[in-house]
Amino acid sequence: MGFLSGVFGSKGKLKGAAPDRLFAMTTANVTLETGLGLKSKECAGVVFQPIGTADFKSIVAETEELLAGTAEETGTQVKSHDDELGYRWLILRDPDFDDLVVAMNTVSVELQGAGYGDRLLAAVFAFNEDGKPLYFIYNFKRGSYYPFVPAKGEKARDTERELRVKSQLGRELPWEEDMARWFPLWDIPL
């Protein structure tokens, strides 16, 4: 905190996420597959809170059209899903992991560019570990990743495995250091 901020006060605004942080997953994927034996489910999703304005609906529709237009070149398939909490998911499927990351970035850039970056919640990358789901969640507002490993039982998670995954990946990803912000996302449609 600077001197003037201390004297005059400042609103504790969150810094905008560095756009290149989302792309850290492309290089981490090599370690995930070769070093940890995690396999991409060849799908990912961007989840955001929609609003009912015509402008917002138009931006989302244009983004979906943009992704559909590049699908011939990349093969990325796009569909949307509204969950029970009122959030919208843009679900992306592609066997090429790098294309998934680029498509996720396209969604975030379009929403941020139109002034709706505050509506972005997370990007979610789905993996399998010995037939069990494991997710990497990118929090747009914090510009950081954290693992999410659902466990057997009603809304249970394997925190021990999450910590091991984080330690095994080391500096591969920009990690969320505050574990209180490792929010679980239940019923992920991936």
Protein backbone atom coordinates (compact mmCIF):
# COMPACT_ATOMS: atom_id res chain seq x y z
CA MET A 1 0.00 0.00 0.00
CA GLY A 2 1.37 3.39 -0.96
CA PHE A 3 1.57 6.38 1.36
CA LEU A 4 -1.26 8.31 -0.32
CA SER A 5 -3.49 5.23 -0.30
CA GLY A 6 -2.85 4.91 3.42
CA VAL A 7 -3.69 8.56 4.07
CA PHE A 8 -6.66 8.96 1.75
CA GLY A 9 -7.86 5.38 1.79
CA SER A 10 -8.52 3.23 -1.18
CA LYS A 11 -11.15 0.83 -2.26
CA GLY A 12 -9.76 -2.69 -2.16
CA LYS A 13 -10.43 -3.34 -5.82
CA LEU A 14 -9.36 -6.63 -7.25
CA LYS A 15 -6.72 -6.37 -9.92
CA GLY A 16 -7.81 -7.44 -13.35
CA ALA A 17 -6.56 -10.89 -14.21
CA ALA A 18 -3.56 -11.02 -16.50
CA PRO A 19 -4.87 -12.39 -19.81
CA ASP A 20 -1.89 -14.69 -20.31
CA ARG A 21 -2.58 -16.59 -17.07
CA LEU A 22 -5.35 -18.62 -18.70
CA PHE A 23 -2.80 -19.83 -21.28
CA ALA A 24 -0.59 -21.31 -18.55
CA MET A 25 -2.81 -24.39 -18.81
CA THR A 26 -1.42 -25.19 -22.29
CA THR A 27 2.08 -25.78 -20.96
CA ALA A 28 0.85 -27.36 -17.72
CA ASN A 29 -1.10 -29.91 -19.78
CA VAL A 30 2.16 -31.60 -20.81
CA THR A 31 3.06 -32.18 -17.15
CA LEU A 32 -0.49 -33.22 -16.35
CA GLU A 33 -0.44 -35.95 -18.98
CA THR A 34 3.14 -37.16 -18.88
CA GLY A 35 4.09 -36.48 -15.28
CA LEU A 36 0.84 -37.06 -13.42
CA GLY A 37 -1.04 -39.39 -15.78
CA LEU A 38 -4.08 -37.11 -15.96
CA LYS A 39 -6.01 -37.28 -19.21
CA SER A 40 -8.02 -34.39 -20.57
CA LYS A 41 -11.70 -35.19 -21.04
CA GLU A 42 -11.36 -33.09 -24.23
CA CYS A 43 -13.86 -30.58 -22.88
CA ALA A 44 -13.81 -27.38 -20.91
CA GLY A 45 -16.30 -24.72 -19.94
CA VAL A 46 -16.61 -21.05 -19.19
CA VAL A 47 -19.22 -20.21 -16.60
CA PHE A 48 -20.66 -16.74 -16.19
CA GLN A 49 -23.64 -14.97 -14.73
CA PRO A 50 -25.93 -13.85 -17.54
CA ILE A 51 -28.02 -10.72 -17.38
CA GLY A 52 -31.22 -10.11 -19.27
CA THR A 53 -30.17 -7.08 -21.31
CA ALA A 54 -30.34 -7.17 -25.09
CA ASP A 55 -26.71 -6.05 -25.30
CA PHE A 56 -25.45 -8.91 -23.12
CA LYS A 57 -27.53 -11.48 -25.02
CA SER A 58 -26.15 -10.10 -28.28
CA ILE A 59 -22.53 -10.36 -27.06
CA VAL A 60 -23.04 -13.98 -25.96
CA ALA A 61 -24.74 -14.86 -29.27
CA GLU A 62 -21.93 -13.19 -31.25
CA THR A 63 -19.33 -15.08 -29.20
CA GLU A 64 -21.06 -18.39 -29.86
CA GLU A 65 -21.24 -17.53 -33.58
CA LEU A 66 -17.54 -16.60 -33.59
CA LEU A 67 -16.64 -19.95 -32.02
CA ALA A 68 -18.96 -21.82 -34.38
CA GLY A 69 -17.36 -19.99 -37.32
CA THR A 70 -13.89 -21.13 -36.33
CA ALA A 71 -15.12 -24.68 -35.64
CA GLU A 72 -14.47 -25.69 -39.25
CA GLU A 73 -10.81 -24.82 -38.79
CA THR A 74 -10.33 -25.99 -35.20
CA GLY A 75 -13.02 -28.62 -34.75
CA THR A 76 -14.16 -27.08 -31.47
CA GLN A 77 -17.80 -27.80 -30.71
CA VAL A 78 -19.78 -25.32 -28.61
CA LYS A 79 -23.01 -25.64 -26.69
CA SER A 80 -24.55 -23.69 -23.85
CA HIS A 81 -26.09 -24.95 -20.64
CA ASP A 82 -27.94 -23.06 -17.91
CA ASP A 83 -27.47 -24.60 -14.49
CA GLU A 84 -29.92 -24.68 -11.58
CA LEU A 85 -28.22 -21.68 -9.92
CA GLY A 86 -28.86 -19.45 -12.94
CA TYR A 87 -25.33 -19.51 -14.35
CA ARG A 88 -24.65 -20.10 -18.02
CA TRP A 89 -21.97 -22.48 -19.20
CA LEU A 90 -20.40 -22.35 -22.63
CA ILE A 91 -19.20 -25.92 -23.03
CA LEU A 92 -16.38 -26.51 -25.47
CA ARG A 93 -15.32 -29.90 -26.84
CA ASP A 94 -12.16 -30.48 -28.85
CA PRO A 95 -9.54 -33.26 -28.92
CA ASP A 96 -6.83 -30.59 -29.36
CA PHE A 97 -6.19 -29.18 -25.87
CA ASP A 98 -4.60 -25.98 -27.19
CA ASP A 99 -7.74 -25.26 -29.24
CA LEU A 100 -9.81 -25.58 -26.04
CA VAL A 101 -7.67 -23.00 -24.28
CA VAL A 102 -7.84 -20.61 -27.25
CA ALA A 103 -11.64 -20.98 -27.39
CA MET A 104 -11.89 -20.31 -23.65
CA ASN A 105 -9.79 -17.20 -24.11
CA THR A 106 -12.03 -16.07 -26.99
CA VAL A 107 -15.08 -16.22 -24.72
CA SER A 108 -13.38 -14.28 -21.94
CA VAL A 109 -11.92 -11.65 -24.29
CA GLU A 110 -15.30 -11.06 -25.94
CA LEU A 111 -17.13 -10.62 -22.63
CA GLN A 112 -14.37 -8.48 -21.13
CA GLY A 113 -14.10 -6.37 -24.29
CA ALA A 114 -17.82 -5.63 -24.15
CA GLY A 115 -17.53 -4.52 -20.53
CA TYR A 116 -18.94 -7.69 -18.99
CA GLY A 117 -15.74 -9.14 -17.54
CA ASP A 118 -17.25 -8.87 -14.07
CA ARG A 119 -19.87 -11.45 -15.12
CA LEU A 120 -17.20 -14.12 -15.74
CA LEU A 121 -16.98 -16.62 -12.92
CA ALA A 122 -14.55 -19.33 -13.99
CA ALA A 123 -12.98 -21.42 -16.69
CA VAL A 124 -13.08 -25.14 -15.93
CA PHE A 125 -10.81 -27.78 -17.46
CA ALA A 126 -11.96 -31.39 -17.01
CA PHE A 127 -9.55 -34.29 -16.54
CA ASN A 128 -9.75 -37.97 -15.64
CA GLU A 129 -7.51 -39.61 -13.10
CA ASP A 130 -7.99 -43.37 -13.07
CA GLY A 131 -11.61 -42.93 -14.14
CA LYS A 132 -12.33 -40.24 -11.52
CA PRO A 133 -13.00 -36.58 -12.38
CA LEU A 134 -10.49 -33.90 -11.53
CA TYR A 135 -10.97 -30.26 -12.48
CA PHE A 136 -8.75 -27.24 -12.74
CA ILE A 137 -10.70 -24.06 -12.11
CA TYR A 138 -9.45 -20.69 -13.26
CA ASN A 139 -10.97 -17.82 -11.29
CA PHE A 140 -11.13 -14.87 -13.67
CA LYS A 141 -11.41 -12.28 -10.91
CA ARG A 142 -8.33 -13.58 -9.10
CA GLY A 143 -6.32 -14.61 -12.18
CA SER A 144 -5.42 -17.91 -10.57
CA TYR A 145 -6.06 -21.64 -10.69
CA TYR A 146 -6.98 -24.22 -8.10
CA PRO A 147 -7.75 -27.94 -8.33
CA PHE A 148 -11.15 -29.38 -7.49
CA VAL A 149 -11.45 -33.12 -6.84
CA PRO A 150 -14.98 -34.36 -6.04
CA ALA A 151 -15.12 -37.35 -3.70
CA LYS A 152 -17.76 -39.99 -3.04
CA GLY A 153 -20.66 -38.74 -1.00
CA GLU A 154 -22.99 -35.79 -1.10
CA LYS A 155 -20.99 -32.68 -2.05
CA ALA A 156 -17.73 -34.13 -0.74
CA ARG A 157 -14.30 -33.22 -2.01
CA ASP A 158 -10.87 -34.77 -1.73
CA THR A 159 -8.89 -31.86 -0.27
CA GLU A 160 -5.84 -34.02 0.32
CA ARG A 161 -5.66 -34.90 -3.39
CA GLU A 162 -6.18 -31.26 -4.32
CA LEU A 163 -3.16 -30.27 -2.22
CA ARG A 164 -1.04 -33.06 -3.72
CA VAL A 165 -1.94 -31.98 -7.26
CA LYS A 166 -0.97 -28.41 -6.46
CA SER A 167 2.36 -29.48 -4.98
CA GLN A 168 3.08 -31.87 -7.87
CA LEU A 169 2.55 -29.13 -10.44
CA GLY A 170 4.68 -26.63 -8.57
CA ARG A 171 5.07 -23.46 -10.60
CA GLU A 172 3.33 -24.73 -13.72
CA LEU A 173 0.21 -22.66 -12.97
CA PRO A 174 -0.50 -19.37 -11.21
CA TRP A 175 -2.08 -20.85 -8.06
CA GLU A 176 -4.67 -19.36 -5.75
CA GLU A 177 -2.76 -19.30 -2.48
CA ASP A 178 -5.80 -18.63 -0.28
CA MET A 179 -7.43 -22.04 0.06
CA ALA A 180 -10.58 -20.39 1.40
CA ARG A 181 -11.07 -19.26 -2.21
CA TRP A 182 -10.91 -22.80 -3.62
CA PHE A 183 -14.64 -22.79 -4.22
CA PRO A 184 -16.15 -26.12 -5.28
CA LEU A 185 -18.35 -26.16 -8.35
CA TRP A 186 -20.89 -28.94 -7.97
CA ASP A 187 -22.69 -30.61 -10.88
CA ILE A 188 -20.17 -29.46 -13.48
CA PRO A 189 -21.72 -30.22 -16.90
CA LEU A 190 -18.45 -31.45 -18.46
